[in-house]
PDB file of N, CA and C in Angstrom:
ATOM      1  N   UNK A   1     -42.997  17.938  30.244  1.00  0.00           N
ATOM      2  CA  UNK A   1     -42.046  18.548  29.355  1.00  0.00           C
ATOM      3  C   UNK A   1     -41.481  17.455  28.439  1.00  0.00           C
ATOM      4  N   UNK A   2     -41.395  17.737  27.142  1.00  0.00           N
ATOM      5  CA  UNK A   2     -40.871  16.781  26.155  1.00  0.00           C
ATOM      6  C   UNK A   2     -39.384  17.015  25.944  1.00  0.00           C
ATOM      7  N   UNK A   3     -38.675  15.954  25.714  1.00  0.00           N
ATOM      8  CA  UNK A   3     -37.228  16.038  25.503  1.00  0.00           C
ATOM      9  C   UNK A   3     -36.901  15.815  24.033  1.00  0.00           C
ATOM     10  N   UNK A   4     -35.994  16.634  23.496  1.00  0.00           N
ATOM     11  CA  UNK A   4     -35.491  16.427  22.147  1.00  0.00           C
ATOM     12  C   UNK A   4     -36.389  16.900  21.027  1.00  0.00           C
ATOM     13  N   UNK A   5     -37.408  17.647  21.312  1.00  0.00           N
ATOM     14  CA  UNK A   5     -38.293  18.107  20.250  1.00  0.00           C
ATOM     15  C   UNK A   5     -37.564  19.141  19.400  1.00  0.00           C
ATOM     16  N   UNK A   6     -37.505  18.871  18.111  1.00  0.00           N
ATOM     17  CA  UNK A   6     -36.900  19.805  17.176  1.00  0.00           C
ATOM     18  C   UNK A   6     -35.387  19.727  17.070  1.00  0.00           C
ATOM     19  N   UNK A   7     -34.757  18.815  17.779  1.00  0.00           N
ATOM     20  CA  UNK A   7     -33.296  18.728  17.706  1.00  0.00           C
ATOM     21  C   UNK A   7     -32.824  17.471  16.980  1.00  0.00           C
ATOM     22  N   UNK A   8     -33.734  16.626  16.572  1.00  0.00           N
ATOM     23  CA  UNK A   8     -33.353  15.400  15.890  1.00  0.00           C
ATOM     24  C   UNK A   8     -32.969  15.701  14.443  1.00  0.00           C
ATOM     25  N   UNK A   9     -31.851  15.138  13.958  1.00  0.00           N
ATOM     26  CA  UNK A   9     -31.476  15.360  12.565  1.00  0.00           C
ATOM     27  C   UNK A   9     -32.455  14.654  11.624  1.00  0.00           C
ATOM     28  N   UNK A  10     -32.506  15.142  10.386  1.00  0.00           N
ATOM     29  CA  UNK A  10     -33.409  14.548   9.408  1.00  0.00           C
ATOM     30  C   UNK A  10     -32.972  13.146   9.011  1.00  0.00           C
ATOM     31  N   UNK A  11     -31.653  12.904   8.975  1.00  0.00           N
ATOM     32  CA  UNK A  11     -31.135  11.600   8.587  1.00  0.00           C
ATOM     33  C   UNK A  11     -30.221  11.081   9.684  1.00  0.00           C
ATOM     34  N   UNK A  12     -30.000   9.780   9.659  1.00  0.00           N
ATOM     35  CA  UNK A  12     -29.115   9.171  10.648  1.00  0.00           C
ATOM     36  C   UNK A  12     -27.704   9.719  10.508  1.00  0.00           C
ATOM     37  N   UNK A  13     -27.011   9.819  11.630  1.00  0.00           N
ATOM     38  CA  UNK A  13     -25.664  10.350  11.658  1.00  0.00           C
ATOM     39  C   UNK A  13     -24.673   9.201  11.483  1.00  0.00           C
ATOM     40  N   UNK A  14     -23.620   9.423  10.676  1.00  0.00           N
ATOM     41  CA  UNK A  14     -22.623   8.401  10.422  1.00  0.00           C
ATOM     42  C   UNK A  14     -21.596   8.281  11.529  1.00  0.00           C
ATOM     43  N   UNK A  15     -21.723   9.053  12.584  1.00  0.00           N
ATOM     44  CA  UNK A  15     -20.755   8.999  13.679  1.00  0.00           C
ATOM     45  C   UNK A  15     -19.514   9.797  13.351  1.00  0.00           C
ATOM     46  N   UNK A  16     -18.349   9.208  13.599  1.00  0.00           N
ATOM     47  CA  UNK A  16     -17.081   9.868  13.314  1.00  0.00           C
ATOM     48  C   UNK A  16     -16.318   9.076  12.269  1.00  0.00           C
ATOM     49  N   UNK A  17     -15.505   9.774  11.488  1.00  0.00           N
ATOM     50  CA  UNK A  17     -14.684   9.128  10.480  1.00  0.00           C
ATOM     51  C   UNK A  17     -13.549   8.394  11.183  1.00  0.00           C
ATOM     52  N   UNK A  18     -13.348   7.138  10.839  1.00  0.00           N
ATOM     53  CA  UNK A  18     -12.269   6.343  11.429  1.00  0.00           C
ATOM     54  C   UNK A  18     -11.061   6.367  10.507  1.00  0.00           C
ATOM     55  N   UNK A  19      -9.876   6.162  11.078  1.00  0.00           N
ATOM     56  CA  UNK A  19      -8.651   6.151  10.294  1.00  0.00           C
ATOM     57  C   UNK A  19      -7.981   7.513  10.308  1.00  0.00           C
ATOM     58  N   UNK A  20      -6.988   7.666   9.444  1.00  0.00           N
ATOM     59  CA  UNK A  20      -6.246   8.921   9.376  1.00  0.00           C
ATOM     60  C   UNK A  20      -6.704   9.731   8.175  1.00  0.00           C
ATOM     61  N   UNK A  21      -7.018  10.976   8.423  1.00  0.00           N
ATOM     62  CA  UNK A  21      -7.431  11.885   7.357  1.00  0.00           C
ATOM     63  C   UNK A  21      -6.270  12.785   6.992  1.00  0.00           C
ATOM     64  N   UNK A  22      -6.185  13.093   5.703  1.00  0.00           N
ATOM     65  CA  UNK A  22      -5.182  14.035   5.221  1.00  0.00           C
ATOM     66  C   UNK A  22      -5.860  14.972   4.230  1.00  0.00           C
ATOM     67  N   UNK A  23      -5.567  16.260   4.372  1.00  0.00           N
ATOM     68  CA  UNK A  23      -6.145  17.245   3.458  1.00  0.00           C
ATOM     69  C   UNK A  23      -5.573  17.035   2.064  1.00  0.00           C
ATOM     70  N   UNK A  24      -6.425  17.219   1.061  1.00  0.00           N
ATOM     71  CA  UNK A  24      -5.999  17.099  -0.330  1.00  0.00           C
ATOM     72  C   UNK A  24      -6.629  18.215  -1.153  1.00  0.00           C
ATOM     73  N   UNK A  25      -6.062  18.415  -2.334  1.00  0.00           N
ATOM     74  CA  UNK A  25      -6.699  19.271  -3.335  1.00  0.00           C
ATOM     75  C   UNK A  25      -7.309  18.319  -4.349  1.00  0.00           C
ATOM     76  N   UNK A  26      -8.511  18.582  -4.760  1.00  0.00           N
ATOM     77  CA  UNK A  26      -9.205  17.671  -5.672  1.00  0.00           C
ATOM     78  C   UNK A  26      -9.857  18.467  -6.796  1.00  0.00           C
ATOM     79  N   UNK A  27      -9.569  18.045  -8.028  1.00  0.00           N
ATOM     80  CA  UNK A  27     -10.264  18.599  -9.184  1.00  0.00           C
ATOM     81  C   UNK A  27     -11.476  17.707  -9.410  1.00  0.00           C
ATOM     82  N   UNK A  28     -12.634  18.328  -9.510  1.00  0.00           N
ATOM     83  CA  UNK A  28     -13.835  17.522  -9.698  1.00  0.00           C
ATOM     84  C   UNK A  28     -14.758  18.164 -10.719  1.00  0.00           C
ATOM     85  N   UNK A  29     -15.671  17.352 -11.176  1.00  0.00           N
ATOM     86  CA  UNK A  29     -16.656  17.775 -12.157  1.00  0.00           C
ATOM     87  C   UNK A  29     -18.015  17.708 -11.471  1.00  0.00           C
ATOM     88  N   UNK A  30     -18.752  18.816 -11.542  1.00  0.00           N
ATOM     89  CA  UNK A  30     -20.106  18.857 -11.023  1.00  0.00           C
ATOM     90  C   UNK A  30     -21.054  18.692 -12.202  1.00  0.00           C
ATOM     91  N   UNK A  31     -21.841  17.635 -12.190  1.00  0.00           N
ATOM     92  CA  UNK A  31     -22.750  17.357 -13.294  1.00  0.00           C
ATOM     93  C   UNK A  31     -23.947  18.308 -13.256  1.00  0.00           C
ATOM     94  N   UNK A  32     -24.724  18.275 -14.309  1.00  0.00           N
ATOM     95  CA  UNK A  32     -25.912  19.134 -14.379  1.00  0.00           C
ATOM     96  C   UNK A  32     -26.967  18.725 -13.363  1.00  0.00           C
ATOM     97  N   UNK A  33     -26.880  17.496 -12.859  1.00  0.00           N
ATOM     98  CA  UNK A  33     -27.835  17.024 -11.858  1.00  0.00           C
ATOM     99  C   UNK A  33     -27.331  17.240 -10.429  1.00  0.00           C
ATOM    100  N   UNK A  34     -26.138  17.838 -10.281  1.00  0.00           N
ATOM    101  CA  UNK A  34     -25.610  18.134  -8.958  1.00  0.00           C
ATOM    102  C   UNK A  34     -24.681  17.083  -8.391  1.00  0.00           C
ATOM    103  N   UNK A  35     -24.406  16.030  -9.145  1.00  0.00           N
ATOM    104  CA  UNK A  35     -23.459  14.999  -8.696  1.00  0.00           C
ATOM    105  C   UNK A  35     -22.033  15.495  -8.811  1.00  0.00           C
ATOM    106  N   UNK A  36     -21.191  15.069  -7.889  1.00  0.00           N
ATOM    107  CA  UNK A  36     -19.787  15.457  -7.883  1.00  0.00           C
ATOM    108  C   UNK A  36     -18.943  14.256  -8.272  1.00  0.00           C
ATOM    109  N   UNK A  37     -18.034  14.435  -9.239  1.00  0.00           N
ATOM    110  CA  UNK A  37     -17.181  13.345  -9.711  1.00  0.00           C
ATOM    111  C   UNK A  37     -15.710  13.756  -9.557  1.00  0.00           C
ATOM    112  N   UNK A  38     -14.950  13.120  -8.659  1.00  0.00           N
ATOM    113  CA  UNK A  38     -13.526  13.448  -8.538  1.00  0.00           C
ATOM    114  C   UNK A  38     -12.756  12.992  -9.776  1.00  0.00           C
ATOM    115  N   UNK A  39     -11.940  13.885 -10.332  1.00  0.00           N
ATOM    116  CA  UNK A  39     -11.163  13.586 -11.539  1.00  0.00           C
ATOM    117  C   UNK A  39      -9.672  13.424 -11.258  1.00  0.00           C
ATOM    118  N   UNK A  40      -9.135  14.244 -10.361  1.00  0.00           N
ATOM    119  CA  UNK A  40      -7.704  14.264 -10.078  1.00  0.00           C
ATOM    120  C   UNK A  40      -7.508  14.809  -8.677  1.00  0.00           C
ATOM    121  N   UNK A  41      -6.463  14.330  -7.988  1.00  0.00           N
ATOM    122  CA  UNK A  41      -6.170  14.885  -6.677  1.00  0.00           C
ATOM    123  C   UNK A  41      -4.684  15.120  -6.522  1.00  0.00           C
ATOM    124  N   UNK A  42      -4.356  16.039  -5.625  1.00  0.00           N
ATOM    125  CA  UNK A  42      -2.973  16.349  -5.277  1.00  0.00           C
ATOM    126  C   UNK A  42      -2.834  16.151  -3.777  1.00  0.00           C
ATOM    127  N   UNK A  43      -1.761  15.460  -3.412  1.00  0.00           N
ATOM    128  CA  UNK A  43      -1.528  15.112  -2.024  1.00  0.00           C
ATOM    129  C   UNK A  43      -0.056  15.304  -1.694  1.00  0.00           C
ATOM    130  N   UNK A  44       0.214  15.740  -0.472  1.00  0.00           N
ATOM    131  CA  UNK A  44       1.592  15.917  -0.031  1.00  0.00           C
ATOM    132  C   UNK A  44       2.091  14.599   0.561  1.00  0.00           C
ATOM    133  N   UNK A  45       3.230  14.084   0.056  1.00  0.00           N
ATOM    134  CA  UNK A  45       3.759  12.822   0.561  1.00  0.00           C
ATOM    135  C   UNK A  45       4.609  13.040   1.808  1.00  0.00           C
ATOM    136  N   UNK A  46       5.187  11.957   2.329  1.00  0.00           N
ATOM    137  CA  UNK A  46       5.955  12.028   3.571  1.00  0.00           C
ATOM    138  C   UNK A  46       7.230  12.848   3.444  1.00  0.00           C
ATOM    139  N   UNK A  47       7.697  13.109   2.190  1.00  0.00           N
ATOM    140  CA  UNK A  47       8.889  13.926   1.953  1.00  0.00           C
ATOM    141  C   UNK A  47       8.551  15.396   1.714  1.00  0.00           C
ATOM    142  N   UNK A  48       7.263  15.732   1.780  1.00  0.00           N
ATOM    143  CA  UNK A  48       6.833  17.107   1.566  1.00  0.00           C
ATOM    144  C   UNK A  48       6.607  17.458   0.107  1.00  0.00           C
ATOM    145  N   UNK A  49       6.728  16.471  -0.786  1.00  0.00           N
ATOM    146  CA  UNK A  49       6.504  16.711  -2.217  1.00  0.00           C
ATOM    147  C   UNK A  49       5.023  16.552  -2.544  1.00  0.00           C
ATOM    148  N   UNK A  50       4.555  17.355  -3.497  1.00  0.00           N
ATOM    149  CA  UNK A  50       3.173  17.281  -3.944  1.00  0.00           C
ATOM    150  C   UNK A  50       3.078  16.246  -5.058  1.00  0.00           C
ATOM    151  N   UNK A  51       2.234  15.246  -4.870  1.00  0.00           N
ATOM    152  CA  UNK A  51       2.016  14.181  -5.852  1.00  0.00           C
ATOM    153  C   UNK A  51       0.657  14.377  -6.507  1.00  0.00           C
ATOM    154  N   UNK A  52       0.610  14.138  -7.808  1.00  0.00           N
ATOM    155  CA  UNK A  52      -0.635  14.229  -8.563  1.00  0.00           C
ATOM    156  C   UNK A  52      -1.108  12.820  -8.896  1.00  0.00           C
ATOM    157  N   UNK A  53      -2.363  12.536  -8.617  1.00  0.00           N
ATOM    158  CA  UNK A  53      -2.962  11.233  -8.919  1.00  0.00           C
ATOM    159  C   UNK A  53      -4.160  11.472  -9.823  1.00  0.00           C
ATOM    160  N   UNK A  54      -4.076  10.916 -11.025  1.00  0.00           N
ATOM    161  CA  UNK A  54      -5.156  11.093 -12.000  1.00  0.00           C
ATOM    162  C   UNK A  54      -5.986   9.829 -12.192  1.00  0.00           C
ATOM    163  N   UNK A  55      -5.433   8.691 -11.853  1.00  0.00           N
ATOM    164  CA  UNK A  55      -6.137   7.423 -12.059  1.00  0.00           C
ATOM    165  C   UNK A  55      -6.974   7.102 -10.825  1.00  0.00           C
ATOM    166  N   UNK A  56      -8.240   7.547 -10.853  1.00  0.00           N
ATOM    167  CA  UNK A  56      -9.169   7.358  -9.730  1.00  0.00           C
ATOM    168  C   UNK A  56     -10.345   6.532 -10.226  1.00  0.00           C
ATOM    169  N   UNK A  57     -10.581   5.414  -9.565  1.00  0.00           N
ATOM    170  CA  UNK A  57     -11.740   4.588  -9.888  1.00  0.00           C
ATOM    171  C   UNK A  57     -12.715   4.677  -8.722  1.00  0.00           C
ATOM    172  N   UNK A  58     -13.880   5.264  -8.968  1.00  0.00           N
ATOM    173  CA  UNK A  58     -14.896   5.422  -7.926  1.00  0.00           C
ATOM    174  C   UNK A  58     -15.816   4.205  -7.957  1.00  0.00           C
ATOM    175  N   UNK A  59     -15.897   3.493  -6.828  1.00  0.00           N
ATOM    176  CA  UNK A  59     -16.758   2.311  -6.732  1.00  0.00           C
ATOM    177  C   UNK A  59     -18.169   2.689  -6.302  1.00  0.00           C
ATOM    178  N   UNK A  60     -18.258   3.627  -5.356  1.00  0.00           N
ATOM    179  CA  UNK A  60     -19.568   4.061  -4.882  1.00  0.00           C
ATOM    180  C   UNK A  60     -19.432   5.413  -4.192  1.00  0.00           C
ATOM    181  N   UNK A  61     -20.555   6.062  -4.012  1.00  0.00           N
ATOM    182  CA  UNK A  61     -20.595   7.308  -3.261  1.00  0.00           C
ATOM    183  C   UNK A  61     -21.843   7.308  -2.405  1.00  0.00           C
ATOM    184  N   UNK A  62     -21.724   7.964  -1.244  1.00  0.00           N
ATOM    185  CA  UNK A  62     -22.835   7.971  -0.304  1.00  0.00           C
ATOM    186  C   UNK A  62     -22.846   9.280   0.464  1.00  0.00           C
ATOM    187  N   UNK A  63     -24.026   9.867   0.595  1.00  0.00           N
ATOM    188  CA  UNK A  63     -24.167  11.074   1.406  1.00  0.00           C
ATOM    189  C   UNK A  63     -24.230  10.648   2.862  1.00  0.00           C
ATOM    190  N   UNK A  64     -23.420  11.312   3.704  1.00  0.00           N
ATOM    191  CA  UNK A  64     -23.369  10.982   5.125  1.00  0.00           C
ATOM    192  C   UNK A  64     -23.324  12.254   5.947  1.00  0.00           C
ATOM    193  N   UNK A  65     -23.504  12.062   7.253  1.00  0.00           N
ATOM    194  CA  UNK A  65     -23.353  13.145   8.223  1.00  0.00           C
ATOM    195  C   UNK A  65     -22.441  12.626   9.319  1.00  0.00           C
ATOM    196  N   UNK A  66     -21.293  13.291   9.488  1.00  0.00           N
ATOM    197  CA  UNK A  66     -20.374  12.954  10.566  1.00  0.00           C
ATOM    198  C   UNK A  66     -20.494  14.036  11.625  1.00  0.00           C
ATOM    199  N   UNK A  67     -20.974  13.655  12.800  1.00  0.00           N
ATOM    200  CA  UNK A  67     -21.230  14.603  13.886  1.00  0.00           C
ATOM    201  C   UNK A  67     -22.128  15.737  13.404  1.00  0.00           C
ATOM    202  N   UNK A  68     -23.089  15.412  12.536  1.00  0.00           N
ATOM    203  CA  UNK A  68     -24.037  16.390  12.023  1.00  0.00           C
ATOM    204  C   UNK A  68     -23.553  17.194  10.835  1.00  0.00           C
ATOM    205  N   UNK A  69     -22.307  16.979  10.394  1.00  0.00           N
ATOM    206  CA  UNK A  69     -21.738  17.736   9.273  1.00  0.00           C
ATOM    207  C   UNK A  69     -21.986  16.966   7.979  1.00  0.00           C
ATOM    208  N   UNK A  70     -22.703  17.576   7.008  1.00  0.00           N
ATOM    209  CA  UNK A  70     -23.001  16.860   5.763  1.00  0.00           C
ATOM    210  C   UNK A  70     -21.757  16.652   4.912  1.00  0.00           C
ATOM    211  N   UNK A  71     -21.652  15.449   4.338  1.00  0.00           N
ATOM    212  CA  UNK A  71     -20.504  15.129   3.505  1.00  0.00           C
ATOM    213  C   UNK A  71     -20.911  14.094   2.467  1.00  0.00           C
ATOM    214  N   UNK A  72     -20.047  13.921   1.482  1.00  0.00           N
ATOM    215  CA  UNK A  72     -20.204  12.858   0.496  1.00  0.00           C
ATOM    216  C   UNK A  72     -18.951  12.005   0.581  1.00  0.00           C
ATOM    217  N   UNK A  73     -19.143  10.706   0.772  1.00  0.00           N
ATOM    218  CA  UNK A  73     -18.016   9.786   0.923  1.00  0.00           C
ATOM    219  C   UNK A  73     -17.909   8.923  -0.334  1.00  0.00           C
ATOM    220  N   UNK A  74     -16.717   8.918  -0.926  1.00  0.00           N
ATOM    221  CA  UNK A  74     -16.455   8.150  -2.138  1.00  0.00           C
ATOM    222  C   UNK A  74     -15.554   6.977  -1.796  1.00  0.00           C
ATOM    223  N   UNK A  75     -15.979   5.772  -2.131  1.00  0.00           N
ATOM    224  CA  UNK A  75     -15.158   4.575  -1.986  1.00  0.00           C
ATOM    225  C   UNK A  75     -14.390   4.432  -3.294  1.00  0.00           C
ATOM    226  N   UNK A  76     -13.049   4.565  -3.234  1.00  0.00           N
ATOM    227  CA  UNK A  76     -12.236   4.648  -4.452  1.00  0.00           C
ATOM    228  C   UNK A  76     -11.022   3.732  -4.408  1.00  0.00           C
ATOM    229  N   UNK A  77     -10.497   3.458  -5.587  1.00  0.00           N
ATOM    230  CA  UNK A  77      -9.193   2.834  -5.736  1.00  0.00           C
ATOM    231  C   UNK A  77      -8.327   3.797  -6.532  1.00  0.00           C
ATOM    232  N   UNK A  78      -7.134   4.094  -5.990  1.00  0.00           N
ATOM    233  CA  UNK A  78      -6.185   4.974  -6.662  1.00  0.00           C
ATOM    234  C   UNK A  78      -5.039   4.135  -7.195  1.00  0.00           C
ATOM    235  N   UNK A  79      -4.574   4.440  -8.399  1.00  0.00           N
ATOM    236  CA  UNK A  79      -3.391   3.792  -8.956  1.00  0.00           C
ATOM    237  C   UNK A  79      -2.201   4.712  -8.710  1.00  0.00           C
ATOM    238  N   UNK A  80      -1.266   4.253  -7.852  1.00  0.00           N
ATOM    239  CA  UNK A  80      -0.111   5.058  -7.466  1.00  0.00           C
ATOM    240  C   UNK A  80       1.150   4.206  -7.585  1.00  0.00           C
ATOM    241  N   UNK A  81       2.064   4.625  -8.440  1.00  0.00           N
ATOM    242  CA  UNK A  81       3.334   3.925  -8.563  1.00  0.00           C
ATOM    243  C   UNK A  81       3.211   2.456  -8.909  1.00  0.00           C
ATOM    244  N   UNK A  82       2.274   2.098  -9.754  1.00  0.00           N
ATOM    245  CA  UNK A  82       2.101   0.715 -10.164  1.00  0.00           C
ATOM    246  C   UNK A  82       1.333  -0.162  -9.199  1.00  0.00           C
ATOM    247  N   UNK A  83       0.801   0.409  -8.144  1.00  0.00           N
ATOM    248  CA  UNK A  83      -0.002  -0.379  -7.214  1.00  0.00           C
ATOM    249  C   UNK A  83      -1.344   0.295  -6.972  1.00  0.00           C
ATOM    250  N   UNK A  84      -2.307  -0.478  -6.521  1.00  0.00           N
ATOM    251  CA  UNK A  84      -3.650   0.032  -6.244  1.00  0.00           C
ATOM    252  C   UNK A  84      -3.826   0.223  -4.748  1.00  0.00           C
ATOM    253  N   UNK A  85      -4.406   1.371  -4.382  1.00  0.00           N
ATOM    254  CA  UNK A  85      -4.651   1.692  -2.978  1.00  0.00           C
ATOM    255  C   UNK A  85      -6.138   1.999  -2.810  1.00  0.00           C
ATOM    256  N   UNK A  86      -6.792   1.313  -1.895  1.00  0.00           N
ATOM    257  CA  UNK A  86      -8.211   1.545  -1.618  1.00  0.00           C
ATOM    258  C   UNK A  86      -8.326   2.645  -0.570  1.00  0.00           C
ATOM    259  N   UNK A  87      -9.084   3.695  -0.855  1.00  0.00           N
ATOM    260  CA  UNK A  87      -9.228   4.847   0.035  1.00  0.00           C
ATOM    261  C   UNK A  87     -10.671   5.328   0.038  1.00  0.00           C
ATOM    262  N   UNK A  88     -10.959   6.210   0.975  1.00  0.00           N
ATOM    263  CA  UNK A  88     -12.196   6.992   0.962  1.00  0.00           C
ATOM    264  C   UNK A  88     -11.812   8.430   0.680  1.00  0.00           C
ATOM    265  N   UNK A  89     -12.467   9.042  -0.271  1.00  0.00           N
ATOM    266  CA  UNK A  89     -12.370  10.481  -0.485  1.00  0.00           C
ATOM    267  C   UNK A  89     -13.633  11.075   0.126  1.00  0.00           C
ATOM    268  N   UNK A  90     -13.462  12.090   0.951  1.00  0.00           N
ATOM    269  CA  UNK A  90     -14.609  12.685   1.631  1.00  0.00           C
ATOM    270  C   UNK A  90     -14.666  14.173   1.291  1.00  0.00           C
ATOM    271  N   UNK A  91     -15.828  14.589   0.808  1.00  0.00           N
ATOM    272  CA  UNK A  91     -16.069  15.996   0.466  1.00  0.00           C
ATOM    273  C   UNK A  91     -17.035  16.574   1.493  1.00  0.00           C
ATOM    274  N   UNK A  92     -16.574  17.567   2.260  1.00  0.00           N
ATOM    275  CA  UNK A  92     -17.414  18.244   3.250  1.00  0.00           C
ATOM    276  C   UNK A  92     -18.122  19.408   2.552  1.00  0.00           C
ATOM    277  N   UNK A  93     -19.428  19.274   2.400  1.00  0.00           N
ATOM    278  CA  UNK A  93     -20.227  20.215   1.622  1.00  0.00           C
ATOM    279  C   UNK A  93     -20.180  21.640   2.159  1.00  0.00           C
ATOM    280  N   UNK A  94     -20.369  21.812   3.454  1.00  0.00           N
ATOM    281  CA  UNK A  94     -20.461  23.152   4.032  1.00  0.00           C
ATOM    282  C   UNK A  94     -19.149  23.924   3.909  1.00  0.00           C
ATOM    283  N   UNK A  95     -18.023  23.197   3.915  1.00  0.00           N
ATOM    284  CA  UNK A  95     -16.712  23.841   3.871  1.00  0.00           C
ATOM    285  C   UNK A  95     -16.064  23.786   2.492  1.00  0.00           C
ATOM    286  N   UNK A  96     -16.679  23.063   1.556  1.00  0.00           N
ATOM    287  CA  UNK A  96     -16.083  22.829   0.225  1.00  0.00           C
ATOM    288  C   UNK A  96     -14.644  22.331   0.376  1.00  0.00           C
ATOM    289  N   UNK A  97     -14.479  21.303   1.203  1.00  0.00           N
ATOM    290  CA  UNK A  97     -13.152  20.802   1.556  1.00  0.00           C
ATOM    291  C   UNK A  97     -13.086  19.299   1.313  1.00  0.00           C
ATOM    292  N   UNK A  98     -11.943  18.848   0.765  1.00  0.00           N
ATOM    293  CA  UNK A  98     -11.701  17.436   0.498  1.00  0.00           C
ATOM    294  C   UNK A  98     -10.658  16.879   1.451  1.00  0.00           C
ATOM    295  N   UNK A  99     -10.845  15.631   1.869  1.00  0.00           N
ATOM    296  CA  UNK A  99      -9.838  14.883   2.619  1.00  0.00           C
ATOM    297  C   UNK A  99      -9.773  13.470   2.064  1.00  0.00           C
ATOM    298  N   UNK A 100      -8.653  12.814   2.326  1.00  0.00           N
ATOM    299  CA  UNK A 100      -8.499  11.418   1.963  1.00  0.00           C
ATOM    300  C   UNK A 100      -8.371  10.629   3.254  1.00  0.00           C
ATOM    301  N   UNK A 101      -8.997   9.472   3.305  1.00  0.00           N
ATOM    302  CA  UNK A 101      -8.948   8.617   4.473  1.00  0.00           C
ATOM    303  C   UNK A 101      -8.449   7.254   4.004  1.00  0.00           C
ATOM    304  N   UNK A 102      -7.259   6.871   4.495  1.00  0.00           N
ATOM    305  CA  UNK A 102      -6.670   5.600   4.118  1.00  0.00           C
ATOM    306  C   UNK A 102      -7.299   4.494   4.951  1.00  0.00           C
ATOM    307  N   UNK A 103      -7.545   3.383   4.339  1.00  0.00           N
ATOM    308  CA  UNK A 103      -8.194   2.243   5.013  1.00  0.00           C
ATOM    309  C   UNK A 103      -7.225   1.489   5.855  1.00  0.00           C
TER     310      UNK A 103
END
């Protein structure tokens, strides 16, 4: 009897996302080639206020699978209140859901 036949994923799994994730709303542009480009995001701060961040610099993007769930991970720098914050923006394809992961 063979073990694992037909259960192996097509691509390597990225494991689990490390750090703290927070749900966000993200305005993005889908190009004609299917690429996703984040343009603006809204995030709830520690006081419960919704903050809008428009200054997003994307350094790289990579398709990954976390526990078998397909996603696109963006390595970004956000300009917030005069300072730069390095974050990961993660788009979960199957759920059409965005999260931010602080480094």
